[in-house]
PDB file of N, CA and C in Angstrom:
ATOM      1  N   GLN A   1       6.375 -18.298 -29.189  1.00  0.00           N
ATOM      2  CA  GLN A   1       5.550 -17.111 -29.101  1.00  0.00           C
ATOM      3  C   GLN A   1       5.849 -16.148 -30.233  1.00  0.00           C
ATOM      4  N   MET A   2       6.627 -16.624 -31.195  1.00  0.00           N
ATOM      5  CA  MET A   2       6.899 -15.871 -32.409  1.00  0.00           C
ATOM      6  C   MET A   2       7.660 -14.565 -32.146  1.00  0.00           C
ATOM      7  N   ILE A   3       8.470 -14.540 -31.110  1.00  0.00           N
ATOM      8  CA  ILE A   3       9.306 -13.372 -30.832  1.00  0.00           C
ATOM      9  C   ILE A   3      10.584 -13.528 -31.638  1.00  0.00           C
ATOM     10  N   PRO A   4      10.974 -12.504 -32.384  1.00  0.00           N
ATOM     11  CA  PRO A   4      12.185 -12.615 -33.206  1.00  0.00           C
ATOM     12  C   PRO A   4      13.418 -12.942 -32.360  1.00  0.00           C
ATOM     13  N   ALA A   5      14.285 -13.785 -32.898  1.00  0.00           N
ATOM     14  CA  ALA A   5      15.476 -14.226 -32.174  1.00  0.00           C
ATOM     15  C   ALA A   5      16.344 -13.058 -31.746  1.00  0.00           C
ATOM     16  N   ASP A   6      16.405 -12.001 -32.545  1.00  0.00           N
ATOM     17  CA  ASP A   6      17.262 -10.870 -32.177  1.00  0.00           C
ATOM     18  C   ASP A   6      16.734 -10.121 -30.955  1.00  0.00           C
ATOM     19  N   MET A   7      15.461 -10.343 -30.594  1.00  0.00           N
ATOM     20  CA  MET A   7      14.923  -9.746 -29.374  1.00  0.00           C
ATOM     21  C   MET A   7      15.147 -10.654 -28.162  1.00  0.00           C
ATOM     22  N   GLU A   8      15.390 -11.923 -28.391  1.00  0.00           N
ATOM     23  CA  GLU A   8      15.598 -12.882 -27.306  1.00  0.00           C
ATOM     24  C   GLU A   8      17.011 -12.823 -26.757  1.00  0.00           C
ATOM     25  N   TRP A   9      18.004 -12.580 -27.597  1.00  0.00           N
ATOM     26  CA  TRP A   9      19.403 -12.581 -27.184  1.00  0.00           C
ATOM     27  C   TRP A   9      19.843 -11.152 -26.905  1.00  0.00           C
ATOM     28  N   ASP A  10      20.273 -10.891 -25.667  1.00  0.00           N
ATOM     29  CA  ASP A  10      20.605  -9.525 -25.306  1.00  0.00           C
ATOM     30  C   ASP A  10      21.980  -9.374 -24.668  1.00  0.00           C
ATOM     31  N   GLY A  11      22.792 -10.403 -24.648  1.00  0.00           N
ATOM     32  CA  GLY A  11      24.121 -10.306 -24.082  1.00  0.00           C
ATOM     33  C   GLY A  11      24.192 -10.464 -22.578  1.00  0.00           C
ATOM     34  N   ILE A  12      23.066 -10.571 -21.903  1.00  0.00           N
ATOM     35  CA  ILE A  12      23.047 -10.714 -20.444  1.00  0.00           C
ATOM     36  C   ILE A  12      23.091 -12.190 -20.038  1.00  0.00           C
ATOM     37  N   ASP A  13      22.801 -13.075 -20.961  1.00  0.00           N
ATOM     38  CA  ASP A  13      22.727 -14.498 -20.631  1.00  0.00           C
ATOM     39  C   ASP A  13      23.943 -15.053 -19.905  1.00  0.00           C
ATOM     40  N   PRO A  14      25.172 -14.716 -20.306  1.00  0.00           N
ATOM     41  CA  PRO A  14      26.327 -15.298 -19.601  1.00  0.00           C
ATOM     42  C   PRO A  14      26.393 -14.942 -18.116  1.00  0.00           C
ATOM     43  N   ASP A  15      25.819 -13.820 -17.722  1.00  0.00           N
ATOM     44  CA  ASP A  15      25.864 -13.378 -16.328  1.00  0.00           C
ATOM     45  C   ASP A  15      24.570 -13.659 -15.568  1.00  0.00           C
ATOM     46  N   SER A  16      23.647 -14.377 -16.185  1.00  0.00           N
ATOM     47  CA  SER A  16      22.351 -14.657 -15.571  1.00  0.00           C
ATOM     48  C   SER A  16      22.309 -16.070 -14.998  1.00  0.00           C
ATOM     49  N   VAL A  17      21.378 -16.274 -14.083  1.00  0.00           N
ATOM     50  CA  VAL A  17      21.075 -17.613 -13.576  1.00  0.00           C
ATOM     51  C   VAL A  17      19.958 -18.158 -14.449  1.00  0.00           C
ATOM     52  N   HIS A  18      20.125 -19.376 -14.932  1.00  0.00           N
ATOM     53  CA  HIS A  18      19.122 -19.990 -15.799  1.00  0.00           C
ATOM     54  C   HIS A  18      18.538 -21.214 -15.111  1.00  0.00           C
ATOM     55  N   ALA A  19      17.238 -21.407 -15.277  1.00  0.00           N
ATOM     56  CA  ALA A  19      16.566 -22.603 -14.775  1.00  0.00           C
ATOM     57  C   ALA A  19      15.938 -23.302 -15.976  1.00  0.00           C
ATOM     58  N   LEU A  20      16.114 -24.604 -16.033  1.00  0.00           N
ATOM     59  CA  LEU A  20      15.562 -25.402 -17.122  1.00  0.00           C
ATOM     60  C   LEU A  20      15.012 -26.682 -16.537  1.00  0.00           C
ATOM     61  N   ALA A  21      13.748 -26.949 -16.803  1.00  0.00           N
ATOM     62  CA  ALA A  21      13.115 -28.191 -16.365  1.00  0.00           C
ATOM     63  C   ALA A  21      12.912 -29.077 -17.591  1.00  0.00           C
ATOM     64  N   CYS A  22      13.391 -30.304 -17.489  1.00  0.00           N
ATOM     65  CA  CYS A  22      13.275 -31.265 -18.591  1.00  0.00           C
ATOM     66  C   CYS A  22      12.562 -32.516 -18.091  1.00  0.00           C
ATOM     67  N   ASN A  23      11.978 -33.257 -19.027  1.00  0.00           N
ATOM     68  CA  ASN A  23      11.393 -34.538 -18.648  1.00  0.00           C
ATOM     69  C   ASN A  23      12.480 -35.604 -18.626  1.00  0.00           C
ATOM     70  N   ARG A  24      12.112 -36.837 -18.342  1.00  0.00           N
ATOM     71  CA  ARG A  24      13.123 -37.892 -18.192  1.00  0.00           C
ATOM     72  C   ARG A  24      13.837 -38.239 -19.482  1.00  0.00           C
ATOM     73  N   PHE A  25      13.329 -37.741 -20.616  1.00  0.00           N
ATOM     74  CA  PHE A  25      13.979 -37.963 -21.906  1.00  0.00           C
ATOM     75  C   PHE A  25      14.868 -36.785 -22.305  1.00  0.00           C
ATOM     76  N   GLY A  26      14.956 -35.797 -21.428  1.00  0.00           N
ATOM     77  CA  GLY A  26      15.776 -34.626 -21.708  1.00  0.00           C
ATOM     78  C   GLY A  26      15.085 -33.560 -22.538  1.00  0.00           C
ATOM     79  N   VAL A  27      13.780 -33.682 -22.724  1.00  0.00           N
ATOM     80  CA  VAL A  27      13.027 -32.694 -23.497  1.00  0.00           C
ATOM     81  C   VAL A  27      12.715 -31.490 -22.605  1.00  0.00           C
ATOM     82  N   PRO A  28      13.111 -30.280 -23.006  1.00  0.00           N
ATOM     83  CA  PRO A  28      12.815 -29.094 -22.203  1.00  0.00           C
ATOM     84  C   PRO A  28      11.303 -28.866 -22.066  1.00  0.00           C
ATOM     85  N   LEU A  29      10.882 -28.578 -20.836  1.00  0.00           N
ATOM     86  CA  LEU A  29       9.465 -28.332 -20.560  1.00  0.00           C
ATOM     87  C   LEU A  29       9.211 -26.897 -20.109  1.00  0.00           C
ATOM     88  N   ALA A  30      10.170 -26.310 -19.406  1.00  0.00           N
ATOM     89  CA  ALA A  30      10.005 -24.956 -18.884  1.00  0.00           C
ATOM     90  C   ALA A  30      11.372 -24.343 -18.645  1.00  0.00           C
ATOM     91  N   THR A  31      11.426 -23.026 -18.736  1.00  0.00           N
ATOM     92  CA  THR A  31      12.683 -22.320 -18.539  1.00  0.00           C
ATOM     93  C   THR A  31      12.430 -20.922 -17.992  1.00  0.00           C
ATOM     94  N   GLY A  32      13.459 -20.335 -17.457  1.00  0.00           N
ATOM     95  CA  GLY A  32      13.406 -18.954 -16.987  1.00  0.00           C
ATOM     96  C   GLY A  32      14.811 -18.488 -16.667  1.00  0.00           C
ATOM     97  N   ARG A  33      14.965 -17.186 -16.516  1.00  0.00           N
ATOM     98  CA  ARG A  33      16.287 -16.658 -16.155  1.00  0.00           C
ATOM     99  C   ARG A  33      16.138 -15.569 -15.105  1.00  0.00           C
ATOM    100  N   LEU A  34      17.218 -15.372 -14.377  1.00  0.00           N
ATOM    101  CA  LEU A  34      17.278 -14.410 -13.282  1.00  0.00           C
ATOM    102  C   LEU A  34      18.504 -13.540 -13.484  1.00  0.00           C
ATOM    103  N   LEU A  35      18.318 -12.240 -13.349  1.00  0.00           N
ATOM    104  CA  LEU A  35      19.446 -11.326 -13.427  1.00  0.00           C
ATOM    105  C   LEU A  35      19.292 -10.256 -12.365  1.00  0.00           C
ATOM    106  N   GLU A  36      20.349  -9.507 -12.153  1.00  0.00           N
ATOM    107  CA  GLU A  36      20.282  -8.412 -11.191  1.00  0.00           C
ATOM    108  C   GLU A  36      19.802  -7.162 -11.921  1.00  0.00           C
ATOM    109  N   HIS A  37      18.635  -6.668 -11.532  1.00  0.00           N
ATOM    110  CA  HIS A  37      18.075  -5.459 -12.151  1.00  0.00           C
ATOM    111  C   HIS A  37      18.841  -4.234 -11.657  1.00  0.00           C
ATOM    112  N   VAL A  38      18.855  -4.069 -10.358  1.00  0.00           N
ATOM    113  CA  VAL A  38      19.687  -3.097  -9.641  1.00  0.00           C
ATOM    114  C   VAL A  38      20.102  -3.817  -8.359  1.00  0.00           C
ATOM    115  N   PRO A  39      21.103  -3.332  -7.639  1.00  0.00           N
ATOM    116  CA  PRO A  39      21.506  -4.036  -6.423  1.00  0.00           C
ATOM    117  C   PRO A  39      20.322  -4.294  -5.488  1.00  0.00           C
ATOM    118  N   GLY A  40      20.166  -5.559  -5.104  1.00  0.00           N
ATOM    119  CA  GLY A  40      19.095  -5.954  -4.203  1.00  0.00           C
ATOM    120  C   GLY A  40      17.777  -6.283  -4.864  1.00  0.00           C
ATOM    121  N   VAL A  41      17.688  -6.099  -6.187  1.00  0.00           N
ATOM    122  CA  VAL A  41      16.444  -6.368  -6.905  1.00  0.00           C
ATOM    123  C   VAL A  41      16.715  -7.341  -8.047  1.00  0.00           C
ATOM    124  N   ALA A  42      16.086  -8.486  -7.964  1.00  0.00           N
ATOM    125  CA  ALA A  42      16.203  -9.506  -8.998  1.00  0.00           C
ATOM    126  C   ALA A  42      15.170  -9.254 -10.087  1.00  0.00           C
ATOM    127  N   LYS A  43      15.532  -9.563 -11.320  1.00  0.00           N
ATOM    128  CA  LYS A  43      14.572  -9.497 -12.413  1.00  0.00           C
ATOM    129  C   LYS A  43      14.473 -10.875 -13.037  1.00  0.00           C
ATOM    130  N   ILE A  44      13.257 -11.371 -13.097  1.00  0.00           N
ATOM    131  CA  ILE A  44      12.987 -12.670 -13.699  1.00  0.00           C
ATOM    132  C   ILE A  44      12.461 -12.429 -15.097  1.00  0.00           C
ATOM    133  N   GLY A  45      12.948 -13.203 -16.030  1.00  0.00           N
ATOM    134  CA  GLY A  45      12.507 -13.072 -17.409  1.00  0.00           C
ATOM    135  C   GLY A  45      12.668 -14.369 -18.157  1.00  0.00           C
ATOM    136  N   ARG A  46      12.290 -14.313 -19.402  1.00  0.00           N
ATOM    137  CA  ARG A  46      12.403 -15.460 -20.302  1.00  0.00           C
ATOM    138  C   ARG A  46      11.688 -16.693 -19.776  1.00  0.00           C
ATOM    139  N   MET A  47      10.651 -16.467 -18.954  1.00  0.00           N
ATOM    140  CA  MET A  47       9.850 -17.603 -18.476  1.00  0.00           C
ATOM    141  C   MET A  47       9.050 -18.151 -19.650  1.00  0.00           C
ATOM    142  N   ALA A  48       9.141 -19.441 -19.833  1.00  0.00           N
ATOM    143  CA  ALA A  48       8.379 -20.106 -20.897  1.00  0.00           C
ATOM    144  C   ALA A  48       8.092 -21.528 -20.450  1.00  0.00           C
ATOM    145  N   VAL A  49       6.870 -21.957 -20.675  1.00  0.00           N
ATOM    146  CA  VAL A  49       6.451 -23.313 -20.326  1.00  0.00           C
ATOM    147  C   VAL A  49       5.768 -23.904 -21.552  1.00  0.00           C
ATOM    148  N   LEU A  50       6.150 -25.118 -21.898  1.00  0.00           N
ATOM    149  CA  LEU A  50       5.515 -25.819 -23.006  1.00  0.00           C
ATOM    150  C   LEU A  50       4.003 -25.798 -22.791  1.00  0.00           C
ATOM    151  N   ALA A  51       3.252 -25.447 -23.815  1.00  0.00           N
ATOM    152  CA  ALA A  51       1.803 -25.262 -23.674  1.00  0.00           C
ATOM    153  C   ALA A  51       1.125 -26.461 -23.011  1.00  0.00           C
ATOM    154  N   SER A  52       1.517 -27.656 -23.360  1.00  0.00           N
ATOM    155  CA  SER A  52       0.879 -28.849 -22.797  1.00  0.00           C
ATOM    156  C   SER A  52       1.215 -29.070 -21.325  1.00  0.00           C
ATOM    157  N   MET A  53       2.177 -28.316 -20.790  1.00  0.00           N
ATOM    158  CA  MET A  53       2.599 -28.485 -19.401  1.00  0.00           C
ATOM    159  C   MET A  53       2.157 -27.343 -18.493  1.00  0.00           C
ATOM    160  N   ARG A  54       1.369 -26.415 -19.006  1.00  0.00           N
ATOM    161  CA  ARG A  54       1.060 -25.213 -18.245  1.00  0.00           C
ATOM    162  C   ARG A  54       0.183 -25.421 -17.026  1.00  0.00           C
ATOM    163  N   SER A  55      -0.453 -26.539 -16.874  1.00  0.00           N
ATOM    164  CA  SER A  55      -1.245 -26.770 -15.665  1.00  0.00           C
ATOM    165  C   SER A  55      -0.579 -27.807 -14.762  1.00  0.00           C
ATOM    166  N   SER A  56       0.677 -28.101 -15.016  1.00  0.00           N
ATOM    167  CA  SER A  56       1.365 -29.181 -14.294  1.00  0.00           C
ATOM    168  C   SER A  56       2.180 -28.714 -13.093  1.00  0.00           C
ATOM    169  N   ARG A  57       2.296 -27.441 -12.856  1.00  0.00           N
ATOM    170  CA  ARG A  57       3.102 -26.842 -11.789  1.00  0.00           C
ATOM    171  C   ARG A  57       4.597 -26.800 -12.114  1.00  0.00           C
ATOM    172  N   ILE A  58       4.983 -27.206 -13.318  1.00  0.00           N
ATOM    173  CA  ILE A  58       6.396 -27.167 -13.683  1.00  0.00           C
ATOM    174  C   ILE A  58       6.877 -25.714 -13.794  1.00  0.00           C
ATOM    175  N   GLY A  59       6.006 -24.837 -14.291  1.00  0.00           N
ATOM    176  CA  GLY A  59       6.350 -23.422 -14.363  1.00  0.00           C
ATOM    177  C   GLY A  59       6.557 -22.841 -12.976  1.00  0.00           C
ATOM    178  N   ARG A  60       5.731 -23.237 -12.035  1.00  0.00           N
ATOM    179  CA  ARG A  60       5.872 -22.761 -10.650  1.00  0.00           C
ATOM    180  C   ARG A  60       7.180 -23.258 -10.053  1.00  0.00           C
ATOM    181  N   ALA A  61       7.570 -24.485 -10.383  1.00  0.00           N
ATOM    182  CA  ALA A  61       8.834 -25.016  -9.879  1.00  0.00           C
ATOM    183  C   ALA A  61      10.015 -24.204 -10.405  1.00  0.00           C
ATOM    184  N   VAL A  62       9.978 -23.837 -11.673  1.00  0.00           N
ATOM    185  CA  VAL A  62      11.041 -23.014 -12.251  1.00  0.00           C
ATOM    186  C   VAL A  62      11.055 -21.642 -11.575  1.00  0.00           C
ATOM    187  N   LEU A  63       9.887 -21.027 -11.423  1.00  0.00           N
ATOM    188  CA  LEU A  63       9.796 -19.723 -10.767  1.00  0.00           C
ATOM    189  C   LEU A  63      10.320 -19.798  -9.339  1.00  0.00           C
ATOM    190  N   ASP A  64       9.915 -20.816  -8.596  1.00  0.00           N
ATOM    191  CA  ASP A  64      10.371 -20.967  -7.214  1.00  0.00           C
ATOM    192  C   ASP A  64      11.885 -21.140  -7.142  1.00  0.00           C
ATOM    193  N   ALA A  65      12.465 -21.880  -8.077  1.00  0.00           N
ATOM    194  CA  ALA A  65      13.923 -22.065  -8.094  1.00  0.00           C
ATOM    195  C   ALA A  65      14.630 -20.737  -8.339  1.00  0.00           C
ATOM    196  N   LEU A  66      14.109 -19.926  -9.242  1.00  0.00           N
ATOM    197  CA  LEU A  66      14.708 -18.621  -9.505  1.00  0.00           C
ATOM    198  C   LEU A  66      14.577 -17.701  -8.297  1.00  0.00           C
ATOM    199  N   LEU A  67      13.417 -17.709  -7.647  1.00  0.00           N
ATOM    200  CA  LEU A  67      13.225 -16.889  -6.448  1.00  0.00           C
ATOM    201  C   LEU A  67      14.164 -17.327  -5.332  1.00  0.00           C
ATOM    202  N   GLN A  68      14.388 -18.624  -5.195  1.00  0.00           N
ATOM    203  CA  GLN A  68      15.311 -19.117  -4.175  1.00  0.00           C
ATOM    204  C   GLN A  68      16.736 -18.659  -4.476  1.00  0.00           C
ATOM    205  N   SER A  69      17.125 -18.697  -5.729  1.00  0.00           N
ATOM    206  CA  SER A  69      18.457 -18.204  -6.107  1.00  0.00           C
ATOM    207  C   SER A  69      18.611 -16.723  -5.775  1.00  0.00           C
ATOM    208  N   ALA A  70      17.549 -15.960  -6.010  1.00  0.00           N
ATOM    209  CA  ALA A  70      17.587 -14.527  -5.691  1.00  0.00           C
ATOM    210  C   ALA A  70      17.739 -14.316  -4.193  1.00  0.00           C
ATOM    211  N   ARG A  71      16.999 -15.085  -3.402  1.00  0.00           N
ATOM    212  CA  ARG A  71      17.110 -14.974  -1.941  1.00  0.00           C
ATOM    213  C   ARG A  71      18.527 -15.314  -1.484  1.00  0.00           C
ATOM    214  N   GLU A  72      19.077 -16.385  -2.040  1.00  0.00           N
ATOM    215  CA  GLU A  72      20.407 -16.847  -1.633  1.00  0.00           C
ATOM    216  C   GLU A  72      21.492 -15.821  -1.939  1.00  0.00           C
ATOM    217  N   ARG A  73      21.309 -15.030  -2.958  1.00  0.00           N
ATOM    218  CA  ARG A  73      22.327 -14.016  -3.241  1.00  0.00           C
ATOM    219  C   ARG A  73      22.034 -12.697  -2.539  1.00  0.00           C
ATOM    220  N   GLY A  74      20.948 -12.652  -1.768  1.00  0.00           N
ATOM    221  CA  GLY A  74      20.670 -11.497  -0.931  1.00  0.00           C
ATOM    222  C   GLY A  74      19.714 -10.476  -1.501  1.00  0.00           C
ATOM    223  N   ASP A  75      19.055 -10.795  -2.611  1.00  0.00           N
ATOM    224  CA  ASP A  75      18.076  -9.853  -3.152  1.00  0.00           C
ATOM    225  C   ASP A  75      16.898  -9.721  -2.188  1.00  0.00           C
ATOM    226  N   ARG A  76      16.316  -8.536  -2.137  1.00  0.00           N
ATOM    227  CA  ARG A  76      15.182  -8.276  -1.244  1.00  0.00           C
ATOM    228  C   ARG A  76      13.856  -8.163  -1.986  1.00  0.00           C
ATOM    229  N   GLU A  77      13.917  -8.029  -3.318  1.00  0.00           N
ATOM    230  CA  GLU A  77      12.707  -7.879  -4.125  1.00  0.00           C
ATOM    231  C   GLU A  77      12.938  -8.554  -5.477  1.00  0.00           C
ATOM    232  N   ALA A  78      11.859  -9.042  -6.056  1.00  0.00           N
ATOM    233  CA  ALA A  78      11.908  -9.596  -7.404  1.00  0.00           C
ATOM    234  C   ALA A  78      10.873  -8.879  -8.254  1.00  0.00           C
ATOM    235  N   LEU A  79      11.224  -8.607  -9.488  1.00  0.00           N
ATOM    236  CA  LEU A  79      10.274  -8.012 -10.419  1.00  0.00           C
ATOM    237  C   LEU A  79      10.323  -8.782 -11.728  1.00  0.00           C
ATOM    238  N   LEU A  80       9.277  -8.627 -12.494  1.00  0.00           N
ATOM    239  CA  LEU A  80       9.194  -9.252 -13.812  1.00  0.00           C
ATOM    240  C   LEU A  80       8.200  -8.500 -14.665  1.00  0.00           C
ATOM    241  N   HIS A  81       8.289  -8.697 -15.949  1.00  0.00           N
ATOM    242  CA  HIS A  81       7.322  -8.167 -16.902  1.00  0.00           C
ATOM    243  C   HIS A  81       6.472  -9.342 -17.343  1.00  0.00           C
ATOM    244  N   ALA A  82       5.258  -9.414 -16.815  1.00  0.00           N
ATOM    245  CA  ALA A  82       4.370 -10.541 -17.099  1.00  0.00           C
ATOM    246  C   ALA A  82       3.497 -10.249 -18.313  1.00  0.00           C
ATOM    247  N   GLN A  83       3.386 -11.223 -19.186  1.00  0.00           N
ATOM    248  CA  GLN A  83       2.357 -11.104 -20.212  1.00  0.00           C
ATOM    249  C   GLN A  83       1.029 -11.040 -19.468  1.00  0.00           C
ATOM    250  N   CYS A  84       0.148 -10.184 -19.904  1.00  0.00           N
ATOM    251  CA  CYS A  84      -1.120 -10.000 -19.186  1.00  0.00           C
ATOM    252  C   CYS A  84      -1.865 -11.323 -19.003  1.00  0.00           C
ATOM    253  N   SER A  85      -1.767 -12.202 -19.980  1.00  0.00           N
ATOM    254  CA  SER A  85      -2.439 -13.495 -19.862  1.00  0.00           C
ATOM    255  C   SER A  85      -1.833 -14.365 -18.761  1.00  0.00           C
ATOM    256  N   ALA A  86      -0.584 -14.098 -18.380  1.00  0.00           N
ATOM    257  CA  ALA A  86       0.089 -14.885 -17.341  1.00  0.00           C
ATOM    258  C   ALA A  86       0.073 -14.194 -15.982  1.00  0.00           C
ATOM    259  N   ALA A  87      -0.460 -12.984 -15.889  1.00  0.00           N
ATOM    260  CA  ALA A  87      -0.469 -12.253 -14.622  1.00  0.00           C
ATOM    261  C   ALA A  87      -1.123 -13.045 -13.484  1.00  0.00           C
ATOM    262  N   PRO A  88      -2.219 -13.771 -13.717  1.00  0.00           N
ATOM    263  CA  PRO A  88      -2.796 -14.556 -12.608  1.00  0.00           C
ATOM    264  C   PRO A  88      -1.837 -15.625 -12.070  1.00  0.00           C
ATOM    265  N   PHE A  89      -1.037 -16.228 -12.943  1.00  0.00           N
ATOM    266  CA  PHE A  89      -0.034 -17.209 -12.510  1.00  0.00           C
ATOM    267  C   PHE A  89       0.939 -16.570 -11.525  1.00  0.00           C
ATOM    268  N   TYR A  90       1.456 -15.394 -11.871  1.00  0.00           N
ATOM    269  CA  TYR A  90       2.411 -14.710 -11.005  1.00  0.00           C
ATOM    270  C   TYR A  90       1.740 -14.180  -9.736  1.00  0.00           C
ATOM    271  N   ALA A  91       0.490 -13.763  -9.832  1.00  0.00           N
ATOM    272  CA  ALA A  91      -0.246 -13.311  -8.641  1.00  0.00           C
ATOM    273  C   ALA A  91      -0.369 -14.446  -7.628  1.00  0.00           C
ATOM    274  N   ARG A  92      -0.608 -15.665  -8.107  1.00  0.00           N
ATOM    275  CA  ARG A  92      -0.691 -16.819  -7.202  1.00  0.00           C
ATOM    276  C   ARG A  92       0.651 -17.088  -6.516  1.00  0.00           C
ATOM    277  N   ALA A  93       1.735 -16.623  -7.116  1.00  0.00           N
ATOM    278  CA  ALA A  93       3.070 -16.808  -6.536  1.00  0.00           C
ATOM    279  C   ALA A  93       3.472 -15.612  -5.668  1.00  0.00           C
ATOM    280  N   GLY A  94       2.543 -14.702  -5.400  1.00  0.00           N
ATOM    281  CA  GLY A  94       2.811 -13.601  -4.495  1.00  0.00           C
ATOM    282  C   GLY A  94       3.207 -12.292  -5.146  1.00  0.00           C
ATOM    283  N   PHE A  95       3.180 -12.215  -6.465  1.00  0.00           N
ATOM    284  CA  PHE A  95       3.516 -10.974  -7.163  1.00  0.00           C
ATOM    285  C   PHE A  95       2.299 -10.067  -7.237  1.00  0.00           C
ATOM    286  N   SER A  96       2.540  -8.759  -7.221  1.00  0.00           N
ATOM    287  CA  SER A  96       1.489  -7.744  -7.361  1.00  0.00           C
ATOM    288  C   SER A  96       1.793  -6.879  -8.576  1.00  0.00           C
ATOM    289  N   GLU A  97       0.761  -6.469  -9.253  1.00  0.00           N
ATOM    290  CA  GLU A  97       0.935  -5.596 -10.418  1.00  0.00           C
ATOM    291  C   GLU A  97       1.371  -4.210  -9.970  1.00  0.00           C
ATOM    292  N   ARG A  98       2.268  -3.609 -10.770  1.00  0.00           N
ATOM    293  CA  ARG A  98       2.729  -2.249 -10.487  1.00  0.00           C
ATOM    294  C   ARG A  98       2.800  -1.502 -11.817  1.00  0.00           C
ATOM    295  N   GLY A  99       1.990  -0.469 -11.926  1.00  0.00           N
ATOM    296  CA  GLY A  99       2.023   0.359 -13.128  1.00  0.00           C
ATOM    297  C   GLY A  99       1.039  -0.093 -14.189  1.00  0.00           C
ATOM    298  N   PRO A 100       1.010   0.670 -15.282  1.00  0.00           N
ATOM    299  CA  PRO A 100       0.053   0.404 -16.354  1.00  0.00           C
ATOM    300  C   PRO A 100       0.519  -0.731 -17.275  1.00  0.00           C
ATOM    301  N   VAL A 101      -0.403  -1.216 -18.059  1.00  0.00           N
ATOM    302  CA  VAL A 101      -0.098  -2.214 -19.090  1.00  0.00           C
ATOM    303  C   VAL A 101       0.742  -1.543 -20.168  1.00  0.00           C
ATOM    304  N   PHE A 102       1.730  -2.262 -20.678  1.00  0.00           N
ATOM    305  CA  PHE A 102       2.583  -1.752 -21.750  1.00  0.00           C
ATOM    306  C   PHE A 102       2.829  -2.869 -22.755  1.00  0.00           C
ATOM    307  N   GLU A 103       3.317  -2.507 -23.901  1.00  0.00           N
ATOM    308  CA  GLU A 103       3.579  -3.489 -24.946  1.00  0.00           C
ATOM    309  C   GLU A 103       5.059  -3.807 -25.008  1.00  0.00           C
ATOM    310  N   GLU A 104       5.363  -5.084 -25.077  1.00  0.00           N
ATOM    311  CA  GLU A 104       6.735  -5.549 -25.217  1.00  0.00           C
ATOM    312  C   GLU A 104       6.705  -6.668 -26.255  1.00  0.00           C
ATOM    313  N   ALA A 105       7.490  -6.531 -27.313  1.00  0.00           N
ATOM    314  CA  ALA A 105       7.522  -7.514 -28.400  1.00  0.00           C
ATOM    315  C   ALA A 105       6.128  -7.738 -28.991  1.00  0.00           C
ATOM    316  N   GLY A 106       5.307  -6.677 -28.996  1.00  0.00           N
ATOM    317  CA  GLY A 106       3.972  -6.776 -29.569  1.00  0.00           C
ATOM    318  C   GLY A 106       2.954  -7.478 -28.687  1.00  0.00           C
ATOM    319  N   ILE A 107       3.298  -7.722 -27.422  1.00  0.00           N
ATOM    320  CA  ILE A 107       2.423  -8.452 -26.497  1.00  0.00           C
ATOM    321  C   ILE A 107       2.163  -7.563 -25.280  1.00  0.00           C
ATOM    322  N   PRO A 108       0.904  -7.447 -24.817  1.00  0.00           N
ATOM    323  CA  PRO A 108       0.619  -6.651 -23.614  1.00  0.00           C
ATOM    324  C   PRO A 108       1.252  -7.277 -22.381  1.00  0.00           C
ATOM    325  N   HIS A 109       1.921  -6.448 -21.586  1.00  0.00           N
ATOM    326  CA  HIS A 109       2.606  -6.872 -20.365  1.00  0.00           C
ATOM    327  C   HIS A 109       2.236  -5.933 -19.217  1.00  0.00           C
ATOM    328  N   VAL A 110       2.520  -6.388 -18.023  1.00  0.00           N
ATOM    329  CA  VAL A 110       2.403  -5.547 -16.834  1.00  0.00           C
ATOM    330  C   VAL A 110       3.580  -5.879 -15.925  1.00  0.00           C
ATOM    331  N   GLU A 111       4.158  -4.856 -15.296  1.00  0.00           N
ATOM    332  CA  GLU A 111       5.233  -5.101 -14.348  1.00  0.00           C
ATOM    333  C   GLU A 111       4.619  -5.648 -13.067  1.00  0.00           C
ATOM    334  N   MET A 112       5.279  -6.658 -12.498  1.00  0.00           N
ATOM    335  CA  MET A 112       4.826  -7.261 -11.246  1.00  0.00           C
ATOM    336  C   MET A 112       6.017  -7.379 -10.309  1.00  0.00           C
ATOM    337  N   VAL A 113       5.763  -7.226  -9.014  1.00  0.00           N
ATOM    338  CA  VAL A 113       6.827  -7.267  -8.008  1.00  0.00           C
ATOM    339  C   VAL A 113       6.386  -8.075  -6.789  1.00  0.00           C
ATOM    340  N   ARG A 114       7.374  -8.546  -6.049  1.00  0.00           N
ATOM    341  CA  ARG A 114       7.122  -9.171  -4.739  1.00  0.00           C
ATOM    342  C   ARG A 114       8.368  -9.049  -3.907  1.00  0.00           C
ATOM    343  N   THR A 115       8.160  -9.009  -2.607  1.00  0.00           N
ATOM    344  CA  THR A 115       9.300  -8.988  -1.701  1.00  0.00           C
ATOM    345  C   THR A 115       9.785 -10.422  -1.507  1.00  0.00           C
ATOM    346  N   LEU A 116      11.051 -10.515  -1.180  1.00  0.00           N
ATOM    347  CA  LEU A 116      11.643 -11.834  -0.918  1.00  0.00           C
ATOM    348  C   LEU A 116      11.912 -11.958   0.557  1.00  0.00           C
TER     349      LEU A 116
END
């Protein structure tokens, strides 16, 4: 998505939960990460799905795995910053838009939340 590497690495990775889906050859197909936003609130980010796999449900599997991890650690809500083009994907997973559209890394986003 042409996001500069210095914007991708933020020092939170070592303390985050990461999900990675690969094919049988070990090729990464989808990824995402989960961190604690504030106590009881999970934040999902770094969701990415290989373009050719976006209608395969692999992204949903990664999202569901992250949501399950959040539930298991006792979080009561999950939030994320969805690219506006991906908002329908997250809406199908039970997320609702909250607040106005904003720009992040030069891409329009909207905050979305759901209860766990």
